[in-house]
Amino acid sequence: MQIRDFQQLIERIYYRKDSSRGLAATHMWFTEEVGELTRALRRGQDRANLEEEFADVLAWLSTLASIAGVDLEEAAAKKYAQGCPYCRSTPCSCGSG
């Protein structure tokens, strides 16, 4: 699945509810999910739990981008397609990334 496809899937599932909640409140849900991922990583959770937490963070990031009118795939390609956005190397050789 491409990033754009995933973002559109999340829009179909949650956009109405998330956009009516607004960007600020949706961002609070996103940060809660990041916290859950952080706890799972710190506790050395099993792979299935980590996959679930990473997927949740990606879904909430996608819905935030949709509410803000940002195409994640386009934004990521624009910034990282040429490698490090500072030195343009892959892997980064400037120490900024």
PDB file of N, CA and C in Angstrom:
ATOM      1  N   MET A   1       0.845  -1.175   0.000  1.00  0.00           N
ATOM      2  CA  MET A   1       0.000   0.000   0.000  1.00  0.00           C
ATOM      3  C   MET A   1       0.894   1.244   0.000  1.00  0.00           C
ATOM      4  N   GLN A   2       0.583   2.181  -0.859  1.00  0.00           N
ATOM      5  CA  GLN A   2       1.303   3.448  -0.914  1.00  0.00           C
ATOM      6  C   GLN A   2       0.830   4.365   0.218  1.00  0.00           C
ATOM      7  N   ILE A   3       1.653   5.335   0.570  1.00  0.00           N
ATOM      8  CA  ILE A   3       1.292   6.269   1.637  1.00  0.00           C
ATOM      9  C   ILE A   3      -0.023   6.975   1.311  1.00  0.00           C
ATOM     10  N   ARG A   4      -0.172   7.438   0.084  1.00  0.00           N
ATOM     11  CA  ARG A   4      -1.398   8.146  -0.314  1.00  0.00           C
ATOM     12  C   ARG A   4      -2.625   7.242  -0.175  1.00  0.00           C
ATOM     13  N   ASP A   5      -2.482   5.976  -0.561  1.00  0.00           N
ATOM     14  CA  ASP A   5      -3.590   5.024  -0.430  1.00  0.00           C
ATOM     15  C   ASP A   5      -3.993   4.856   1.034  1.00  0.00           C
ATOM     16  N   PHE A   6      -2.986   4.758   1.899  1.00  0.00           N
ATOM     17  CA  PHE A   6      -3.269   4.623   3.330  1.00  0.00           C
ATOM     18  C   PHE A   6      -3.965   5.871   3.857  1.00  0.00           C
ATOM     19  N   GLN A   7      -3.467   7.026   3.495  1.00  0.00           N
ATOM     20  CA  GLN A   7      -4.081   8.275   3.958  1.00  0.00           C
ATOM     21  C   GLN A   7      -5.539   8.362   3.493  1.00  0.00           C
ATOM     22  N   GLN A   8      -5.800   7.975   2.266  1.00  0.00           N
ATOM     23  CA  GLN A   8      -7.177   7.992   1.760  1.00  0.00           C
ATOM     24  C   GLN A   8      -8.051   6.975   2.481  1.00  0.00           C
ATOM     25  N   LEU A   9      -7.503   5.811   2.805  1.00  0.00           N
ATOM     26  CA  LEU A   9      -8.249   4.811   3.567  1.00  0.00           C
ATOM     27  C   LEU A   9      -8.636   5.366   4.935  1.00  0.00           C
ATOM     28  N   ILE A  10      -7.692   5.979   5.620  1.00  0.00           N
ATOM     29  CA  ILE A  10      -7.973   6.558   6.932  1.00  0.00           C
ATOM     30  C   ILE A  10      -9.001   7.678   6.805  1.00  0.00           C
ATOM     31  N   GLU A  11      -8.938   8.451   5.739  1.00  0.00           N
ATOM     32  CA  GLU A  11      -9.961   9.489   5.508  1.00  0.00           C
ATOM     33  C   GLU A  11     -11.344   8.856   5.383  1.00  0.00           C
ATOM     34  N   ARG A  12     -11.443   7.782   4.612  1.00  0.00           N
ATOM     35  CA  ARG A  12     -12.755   7.135   4.433  1.00  0.00           C
ATOM     36  C   ARG A  12     -13.297   6.607   5.762  1.00  0.00           C
ATOM     37  N   ILE A  13     -12.420   6.111   6.601  1.00  0.00           N
ATOM     38  CA  ILE A  13     -12.852   5.525   7.871  1.00  0.00           C
ATOM     39  C   ILE A  13     -13.166   6.602   8.913  1.00  0.00           C
ATOM     40  N   TYR A  14     -12.287   7.616   9.053  1.00  0.00           N
ATOM     41  CA  TYR A  14     -12.356   8.505  10.211  1.00  0.00           C
ATOM     42  C   TYR A  14     -12.504   9.999   9.924  1.00  0.00           C
ATOM     43  N   TYR A  15     -12.375  10.451   8.672  1.00  0.00           N
ATOM     44  CA  TYR A  15     -12.274  11.895   8.415  1.00  0.00           C
ATOM     45  C   TYR A  15     -13.439  12.696   8.982  1.00  0.00           C
ATOM     46  N   ARG A  16     -14.645  12.226   8.795  1.00  0.00           N
ATOM     47  CA  ARG A  16     -15.807  12.988   9.269  1.00  0.00           C
ATOM     48  C   ARG A  16     -15.716  13.241  10.782  1.00  0.00           C
ATOM     49  N   LYS A  17     -15.446  12.200  11.517  1.00  0.00           N
ATOM     50  CA  LYS A  17     -15.355  12.314  12.975  1.00  0.00           C
ATOM     51  C   LYS A  17     -14.147  13.157  13.388  1.00  0.00           C
ATOM     52  N   ASP A  18     -12.992  12.879  12.785  1.00  0.00           N
ATOM     53  CA  ASP A  18     -11.770  13.576  13.176  1.00  0.00           C
ATOM     54  C   ASP A  18     -11.803  15.052  12.792  1.00  0.00           C
ATOM     55  N   SER A  19     -12.303  15.364  11.612  1.00  0.00           N
ATOM     56  CA  SER A  19     -12.333  16.771  11.198  1.00  0.00           C
ATOM     57  C   SER A  19     -13.333  17.573  12.030  1.00  0.00           C
ATOM     58  N   SER A  20     -14.429  16.941  12.447  1.00  0.00           N
ATOM     59  CA  SER A  20     -15.387  17.665  13.287  1.00  0.00           C
ATOM     60  C   SER A  20     -14.808  17.909  14.681  1.00  0.00           C
ATOM     61  N   ARG A  21     -13.902  17.057  15.125  1.00  0.00           N
ATOM     62  CA  ARG A  21     -13.221  17.231  16.411  1.00  0.00           C
ATOM     63  C   ARG A  21     -12.264  18.413  16.321  1.00  0.00           C
ATOM     64  N   GLY A  22     -11.680  18.617  15.145  1.00  0.00           N
ATOM     65  CA  GLY A  22     -10.745  19.720  14.932  1.00  0.00           C
ATOM     66  C   GLY A  22      -9.294  19.293  15.040  1.00  0.00           C
ATOM     67  N   LEU A  23      -8.436  20.146  14.528  1.00  0.00           N
ATOM     68  CA  LEU A  23      -7.008  19.846  14.474  1.00  0.00           C
ATOM     69  C   LEU A  23      -6.384  19.749  15.867  1.00  0.00           C
ATOM     70  N   ALA A  24      -6.683  20.681  16.747  1.00  0.00           N
ATOM     71  CA  ALA A  24      -6.054  20.689  18.077  1.00  0.00           C
ATOM     72  C   ALA A  24      -6.437  19.448  18.885  1.00  0.00           C
ATOM     73  N   ALA A  25      -7.717  19.113  18.918  1.00  0.00           N
ATOM     74  CA  ALA A  25      -8.155  17.949  19.691  1.00  0.00           C
ATOM     75  C   ALA A  25      -7.661  16.652  19.061  1.00  0.00           C
ATOM     76  N   THR A  26      -7.626  16.599  17.741  1.00  0.00           N
ATOM     77  CA  THR A  26      -7.118  15.409  17.064  1.00  0.00           C
ATOM     78  C   THR A  26      -5.618  15.260  17.335  1.00  0.00           C
ATOM     79  N   HIS A  27      -4.907  16.369  17.391  1.00  0.00           N
ATOM     80  CA  HIS A  27      -3.483  16.317  17.716  1.00  0.00           C
ATOM     81  C   HIS A  27      -3.269  15.757  19.121  1.00  0.00           C
ATOM     82  N   MET A  28      -4.146  16.057  20.051  1.00  0.00           N
ATOM     83  CA  MET A  28      -4.031  15.489  21.397  1.00  0.00           C
ATOM     84  C   MET A  28      -4.159  13.972  21.355  1.00  0.00           C
ATOM     85  N   TRP A  29      -5.083  13.454  20.538  1.00  0.00           N
ATOM     86  CA  TRP A  29      -5.217  11.994  20.387  1.00  0.00           C
ATOM     87  C   TRP A  29      -3.942  11.409  19.781  1.00  0.00           C
ATOM     88  N   PHE A  30      -3.385  12.111  18.795  1.00  0.00           N
ATOM     89  CA  PHE A  30      -2.144  11.669  18.161  1.00  0.00           C
ATOM     90  C   PHE A  30      -1.025  11.557  19.196  1.00  0.00           C
ATOM     91  N   THR A  31      -0.869  12.581  20.037  1.00  0.00           N
ATOM     92  CA  THR A  31       0.210  12.550  21.024  1.00  0.00           C
ATOM     93  C   THR A  31      -0.005  11.432  22.044  1.00  0.00           C
ATOM     94  N   GLU A  32      -1.258  11.131  22.354  1.00  0.00           N
ATOM     95  CA  GLU A  32      -1.538  10.001  23.242  1.00  0.00           C
ATOM     96  C   GLU A  32      -1.059   8.697  22.609  1.00  0.00           C
ATOM     97  N   GLU A  33      -1.307   8.540  21.308  1.00  0.00           N
ATOM     98  CA  GLU A  33      -0.859   7.332  20.606  1.00  0.00           C
ATOM     99  C   GLU A  33       0.666   7.260  20.557  1.00  0.00           C
ATOM    100  N   VAL A  34       1.331   8.393  20.367  1.00  0.00           N
ATOM    101  CA  VAL A  34       2.796   8.406  20.391  1.00  0.00           C
ATOM    102  C   VAL A  34       3.280   7.962  21.767  1.00  0.00           C
ATOM    103  N   GLY A  35       2.595   8.404  22.820  1.00  0.00           N
ATOM    104  CA  GLY A  35       2.936   7.971  24.168  1.00  0.00           C
ATOM    105  C   GLY A  35       2.786   6.469  24.342  1.00  0.00           C
ATOM    106  N   GLU A  36       1.722   5.897  23.777  1.00  0.00           N
ATOM    107  CA  GLU A  36       1.527   4.447  23.860  1.00  0.00           C
ATOM    108  C   GLU A  36       2.648   3.705  23.131  1.00  0.00           C
ATOM    109  N   LEU A  37       3.065   4.235  21.988  1.00  0.00           N
ATOM    110  CA  LEU A  37       4.176   3.629  21.251  1.00  0.00           C
ATOM    111  C   LEU A  37       5.459   3.730  22.068  1.00  0.00           C
ATOM    112  N   THR A  38       5.670   4.861  22.678  1.00  0.00           N
ATOM    113  CA  THR A  38       6.864   5.055  23.507  1.00  0.00           C
ATOM    114  C   THR A  38       6.906   4.036  24.642  1.00  0.00           C
ATOM    115  N   ARG A  39       5.786   3.856  25.312  1.00  0.00           N
ATOM    116  CA  ARG A  39       5.725   2.869  26.403  1.00  0.00           C
ATOM    117  C   ARG A  39       6.001   1.454  25.889  1.00  0.00           C
ATOM    118  N   ALA A  40       5.418   1.125  24.741  1.00  0.00           N
ATOM    119  CA  ALA A  40       5.626  -0.212  24.180  1.00  0.00           C
ATOM    120  C   ALA A  40       7.097  -0.435  23.834  1.00  0.00           C
ATOM    121  N   LEU A  41       7.757   0.576  23.295  1.00  0.00           N
ATOM    122  CA  LEU A  41       9.176   0.458  22.962  1.00  0.00           C
ATOM    123  C   LEU A  41      10.022   0.330  24.227  1.00  0.00           C
ATOM    124  N   ARG A  42       9.728   1.130  25.224  1.00  0.00           N
ATOM    125  CA  ARG A  42      10.499   1.088  26.474  1.00  0.00           C
ATOM    126  C   ARG A  42      10.344  -0.236  27.196  1.00  0.00           C
ATOM    127  N   ARG A  43       9.158  -0.811  27.116  1.00  0.00           N
ATOM    128  CA  ARG A  43       8.888  -2.062  27.823  1.00  0.00           C
ATOM    129  C   ARG A  43       9.284  -3.287  27.018  1.00  0.00           C
ATOM    130  N   GLY A  44       9.785  -3.074  25.804  1.00  0.00           N
ATOM    131  CA  GLY A  44      10.197  -4.206  24.978  1.00  0.00           C
ATOM    132  C   GLY A  44       9.037  -5.104  24.596  1.00  0.00           C
ATOM    133  N   GLN A  45       7.919  -4.502  24.272  1.00  0.00           N
ATOM    134  CA  GLN A  45       6.730  -5.269  23.903  1.00  0.00           C
ATOM    135  C   GLN A  45       7.014  -6.183  22.711  1.00  0.00           C
ATOM    136  N   ASP A  46       6.184  -7.202  22.559  1.00  0.00           N
ATOM    137  CA  ASP A  46       6.363  -8.133  21.447  1.00  0.00           C
ATOM    138  C   ASP A  46       6.051  -7.450  20.118  1.00  0.00           C
ATOM    139  N   ARG A  47       6.478  -8.084  19.049  1.00  0.00           N
ATOM    140  CA  ARG A  47       6.357  -7.512  17.704  1.00  0.00           C
ATOM    141  C   ARG A  47       4.912  -7.168  17.347  1.00  0.00           C
ATOM    142  N   ALA A  48       3.962  -8.011  17.701  1.00  0.00           N
ATOM    143  CA  ALA A  48       2.553  -7.758  17.370  1.00  0.00           C
ATOM    144  C   ALA A  48       2.068  -6.471  18.022  1.00  0.00           C
ATOM    145  N   ASN A  49       2.422  -6.261  19.275  1.00  0.00           N
ATOM    146  CA  ASN A  49       2.013  -5.039  19.966  1.00  0.00           C
ATOM    147  C   ASN A  49       2.683  -3.821  19.348  1.00  0.00           C
ATOM    148  N   LEU A  50       3.977  -3.924  19.044  1.00  0.00           N
ATOM    149  CA  LEU A  50       4.680  -2.813  18.409  1.00  0.00           C
ATOM    150  C   LEU A  50       4.065  -2.470  17.059  1.00  0.00           C
ATOM    151  N   GLU A  51       3.735  -3.486  16.267  1.00  0.00           N
ATOM    152  CA  GLU A  51       3.112  -3.236  14.968  1.00  0.00           C
ATOM    153  C   GLU A  51       1.802  -2.479  15.131  1.00  0.00           C
ATOM    154  N   GLU A  52       1.009  -2.875  16.121  1.00  0.00           N
ATOM    155  CA  GLU A  52      -0.264  -2.204  16.376  1.00  0.00           C
ATOM    156  C   GLU A  52      -0.048  -0.740  16.755  1.00  0.00           C
ATOM    157  N   GLU A  53       0.916  -0.486  17.621  1.00  0.00           N
ATOM    158  CA  GLU A  53       1.171   0.888  18.060  1.00  0.00           C
ATOM    159  C   GLU A  53       1.728   1.747  16.925  1.00  0.00           C
ATOM    160  N   PHE A  54       2.647   1.194  16.137  1.00  0.00           N
ATOM    161  CA  PHE A  54       3.152   1.943  14.981  1.00  0.00           C
ATOM    162  C   PHE A  54       2.019   2.254  13.997  1.00  0.00           C
ATOM    163  N   ALA A  55       1.141   1.290  13.756  1.00  0.00           N
ATOM    164  CA  ALA A  55       0.011   1.504  12.846  1.00  0.00           C
ATOM    165  C   ALA A  55      -0.918   2.594  13.372  1.00  0.00           C
ATOM    166  N   ASP A  56      -1.168   2.598  14.683  1.00  0.00           N
ATOM    167  CA  ASP A  56      -2.018   3.637  15.269  1.00  0.00           C
ATOM    168  C   ASP A  56      -1.407   5.021  15.092  1.00  0.00           C
ATOM    169  N   VAL A  57      -0.107   5.142  15.340  1.00  0.00           N
ATOM    170  CA  VAL A  57       0.560   6.437  15.177  1.00  0.00           C
ATOM    171  C   VAL A  57       0.482   6.891  13.729  1.00  0.00           C
ATOM    172  N   LEU A  58       0.701   5.982  12.794  1.00  0.00           N
ATOM    173  CA  LEU A  58       0.624   6.330  11.377  1.00  0.00           C
ATOM    174  C   LEU A  58      -0.792   6.766  10.996  1.00  0.00           C
ATOM    175  N   ALA A  59      -1.798   6.089  11.522  1.00  0.00           N
ATOM    176  CA  ALA A  59      -3.187   6.451  11.224  1.00  0.00           C
ATOM    177  C   ALA A  59      -3.515   7.851  11.752  1.00  0.00           C
ATOM    178  N   TRP A  60      -3.110   8.135  12.989  1.00  0.00           N
ATOM    179  CA  TRP A  60      -3.394   9.461  13.552  1.00  0.00           C
ATOM    180  C   TRP A  60      -2.597  10.543  12.834  1.00  0.00           C
ATOM    181  N   LEU A  61      -1.355  10.262  12.437  1.00  0.00           N
ATOM    182  CA  LEU A  61      -0.583  11.223  11.651  1.00  0.00           C
ATOM    183  C   LEU A  61      -1.270  11.488  10.318  1.00  0.00           C
ATOM    184  N   SER A  62      -1.782  10.431   9.708  1.00  0.00           N
ATOM    185  CA  SER A  62      -2.483  10.567   8.429  1.00  0.00           C
ATOM    186  C   SER A  62      -3.725  11.437   8.559  1.00  0.00           C
ATOM    187  N   THR A  63      -4.484  11.227   9.619  1.00  0.00           N
ATOM    188  CA  THR A  63      -5.703  12.015   9.781  1.00  0.00           C
ATOM    189  C   THR A  63      -5.371  13.474  10.087  1.00  0.00           C
ATOM    190  N   LEU A  64      -4.303  13.718  10.840  1.00  0.00           N
ATOM    191  CA  LEU A  64      -3.871  15.104  11.072  1.00  0.00           C
ATOM    192  C   LEU A  64      -3.496  15.775   9.753  1.00  0.00           C
ATOM    193  N   ALA A  65      -2.746  15.066   8.927  1.00  0.00           N
ATOM    194  CA  ALA A  65      -2.359  15.618   7.628  1.00  0.00           C
ATOM    195  C   ALA A  65      -3.582  15.912   6.777  1.00  0.00           C
ATOM    196  N   SER A  66      -4.549  15.010   6.775  1.00  0.00           N
ATOM    197  CA  SER A  66      -5.766  15.230   5.984  1.00  0.00           C
ATOM    198  C   SER A  66      -6.521  16.458   6.461  1.00  0.00           C
ATOM    199  N   ILE A  67      -6.680  16.596   7.763  1.00  0.00           N
ATOM    200  CA  ILE A  67      -7.381  17.769   8.306  1.00  0.00           C
ATOM    201  C   ILE A  67      -6.646  19.053   7.913  1.00  0.00           C
ATOM    202  N   ALA A  68      -5.312  19.003   7.903  1.00  0.00           N
ATOM    203  CA  ALA A  68      -4.504  20.175   7.559  1.00  0.00           C
ATOM    204  C   ALA A  68      -4.369  20.375   6.046  1.00  0.00           C
ATOM    205  N   GLY A  69      -4.909  19.437   5.250  1.00  0.00           N
ATOM    206  CA  GLY A  69      -4.837  19.564   3.796  1.00  0.00           C
ATOM    207  C   GLY A  69      -3.474  19.202   3.219  1.00  0.00           C
ATOM    208  N   VAL A  70      -2.747  18.314   3.890  1.00  0.00           N
ATOM    209  CA  VAL A  70      -1.416  17.908   3.443  1.00  0.00           C
ATOM    210  C   VAL A  70      -1.451  16.477   2.921  1.00  0.00           C
ATOM    211  N   ASP A  71      -0.914  16.275   1.736  1.00  0.00           N
ATOM    212  CA  ASP A  71      -0.742  14.945   1.156  1.00  0.00           C
ATOM    213  C   ASP A  71       0.595  14.416   1.681  1.00  0.00           C
ATOM    214  N   LEU A  72       0.542  13.434   2.569  1.00  0.00           N
ATOM    215  CA  LEU A  72       1.760  12.924   3.203  1.00  0.00           C
ATOM    216  C   LEU A  72       2.764  12.373   2.199  1.00  0.00           C
ATOM    217  N   GLU A  73       2.280  11.648   1.215  1.00  0.00           N
ATOM    218  CA  GLU A  73       3.192  11.060   0.236  1.00  0.00           C
ATOM    219  C   GLU A  73       3.934  12.147  -0.525  1.00  0.00           C
ATOM    220  N   GLU A  74       3.217  13.165  -0.942  1.00  0.00           N
ATOM    221  CA  GLU A  74       3.822  14.280  -1.668  1.00  0.00           C
ATOM    222  C   GLU A  74       4.813  15.038  -0.771  1.00  0.00           C
ATOM    223  N   ALA A  75       4.425  15.302   0.461  1.00  0.00           N
ATOM    224  CA  ALA A  75       5.290  16.033   1.388  1.00  0.00           C
ATOM    225  C   ALA A  75       6.576  15.256   1.664  1.00  0.00           C
ATOM    226  N   ALA A  76       6.454  13.949   1.893  1.00  0.00           N
ATOM    227  CA  ALA A  76       7.630  13.128   2.182  1.00  0.00           C
ATOM    228  C   ALA A  76       8.563  13.061   0.979  1.00  0.00           C
ATOM    229  N   ALA A  77       7.990  12.873  -0.201  1.00  0.00           N
ATOM    230  CA  ALA A  77       8.811  12.800  -1.420  1.00  0.00           C
ATOM    231  C   ALA A  77       9.505  14.128  -1.676  1.00  0.00           C
ATOM    232  N   LYS A  78       8.780  15.203  -1.486  1.00  0.00           N
ATOM    233  CA  LYS A  78       9.340  16.535  -1.713  1.00  0.00           C
ATOM    234  C   LYS A  78      10.560  16.775  -0.811  1.00  0.00           C
ATOM    235  N   LYS A  79      10.471  16.327   0.427  1.00  0.00           N
ATOM    236  CA  LYS A  79      11.553  16.595   1.378  1.00  0.00           C
ATOM    237  C   LYS A  79      12.686  15.572   1.312  1.00  0.00           C
ATOM    238  N   TYR A  80      12.382  14.292   1.083  1.00  0.00           N
ATOM    239  CA  TYR A  80      13.389  13.245   1.249  1.00  0.00           C
ATOM    240  C   TYR A  80      13.773  12.474  -0.012  1.00  0.00           C
ATOM    241  N   ALA A  81      13.156  12.724  -1.145  1.00  0.00           N
ATOM    242  CA  ALA A  81      13.447  11.942  -2.350  1.00  0.00           C
ATOM    243  C   ALA A  81      14.901  12.048  -2.796  1.00  0.00           C
ATOM    244  N   GLN A  82      15.552  13.148  -2.490  1.00  0.00           N
ATOM    245  CA  GLN A  82      16.945  13.343  -2.899  1.00  0.00           C
ATOM    246  C   GLN A  82      17.932  12.959  -1.796  1.00  0.00           C
ATOM    247  N   GLY A  83      17.436  12.299  -0.762  1.00  0.00           N
ATOM    248  CA  GLY A  83      18.294  11.924   0.358  1.00  0.00           C
ATOM    249  C   GLY A  83      18.117  12.906   1.500  1.00  0.00           C
ATOM    250  N   CYS A  84      19.147  13.078   2.288  1.00  0.00           N
ATOM    251  CA  CYS A  84      19.107  14.018   3.409  1.00  0.00           C
ATOM    252  C   CYS A  84      18.763  15.406   2.865  1.00  0.00           C
ATOM    253  N   PRO A  85      17.790  16.080   3.468  1.00  0.00           N
ATOM    254  CA  PRO A  85      17.412  17.400   2.949  1.00  0.00           C
ATOM    255  C   PRO A  85      18.508  18.459   3.101  1.00  0.00           C
ATOM    256  N   TYR A  86      19.557  18.182   3.864  1.00  0.00           N
ATOM    257  CA  TYR A  86      20.632  19.154   4.070  1.00  0.00           C
ATOM    258  C   TYR A  86      21.840  18.875   3.180  1.00  0.00           C
ATOM    259  N   CYS A  87      22.323  17.632   3.201  1.00  0.00           N
ATOM    260  CA  CYS A  87      23.527  17.317   2.425  1.00  0.00           C
ATOM    261  C   CYS A  87      23.211  16.568   1.129  1.00  0.00           C
ATOM    262  N   ARG A  88      21.957  16.122   0.971  1.00  0.00           N
ATOM    263  CA  ARG A  88      21.494  15.378  -0.218  1.00  0.00           C
ATOM    264  C   ARG A  88      22.165  14.017  -0.376  1.00  0.00           C
ATOM    265  N   SER A  89      22.767  13.508   0.673  1.00  0.00           N
ATOM    266  CA  SER A  89      23.414  12.203   0.616  1.00  0.00           C
ATOM    267  C   SER A  89      22.532  11.127   1.208  1.00  0.00           C
ATOM    268  N   THR A  90      22.724   9.907   0.702  1.00  0.00           N
ATOM    269  CA  THR A  90      22.082   8.719   1.261  1.00  0.00           C
ATOM    270  C   THR A  90      23.165   7.660   1.402  1.00  0.00           C
ATOM    271  N   PRO A  91      23.535   7.303   2.623  1.00  0.00           N
ATOM    272  CA  PRO A  91      23.046   7.822   3.891  1.00  0.00           C
ATOM    273  C   PRO A  91      23.560   9.240   4.146  1.00  0.00           C
ATOM    274  N   CYS A  92      22.935   9.896   5.080  1.00  0.00           N
ATOM    275  CA  CYS A  92      23.310  11.263   5.461  1.00  0.00           C
ATOM    276  C   CYS A  92      24.774  11.291   5.893  1.00  0.00           C
ATOM    277  N   SER A  93      25.473  12.300   5.400  1.00  0.00           N
ATOM    278  CA  SER A  93      26.891  12.439   5.776  1.00  0.00           C
ATOM    279  C   SER A  93      27.174  13.751   6.497  1.00  0.00           C
ATOM    280  N   CYS A  94      26.104  14.516   6.765  1.00  0.00           N
ATOM    281  CA  CYS A  94      26.326  15.827   7.388  1.00  0.00           C
ATOM    282  C   CYS A  94      26.104  15.821   8.882  1.00  0.00           C
ATOM    283  N   GLY A  95      25.506  14.797   9.421  1.00  0.00           N
ATOM    284  CA  GLY A  95      25.255  14.746  10.852  1.00  0.00           C
ATOM    285  C   GLY A  95      24.054  15.536  11.285  1.00  0.00           C
ATOM    286  N   SER A  96      23.260  16.088  10.358  1.00  0.00           N
ATOM    287  CA  SER A  96      22.085  16.883  10.713  1.00  0.00           C
ATOM    288  C   SER A  96      20.829  16.036  10.901  1.00  0.00           C
ATOM    289  N   GLY A  97      20.810  14.820  10.353  1.00  0.00           N
ATOM    290  CA  GLY A  97      19.594  14.030  10.374  1.00  0.00           C
ATOM    291  C   GLY A  97      19.458  13.066  11.462  1.00  0.00           C
TER     292      GLY A  97
END
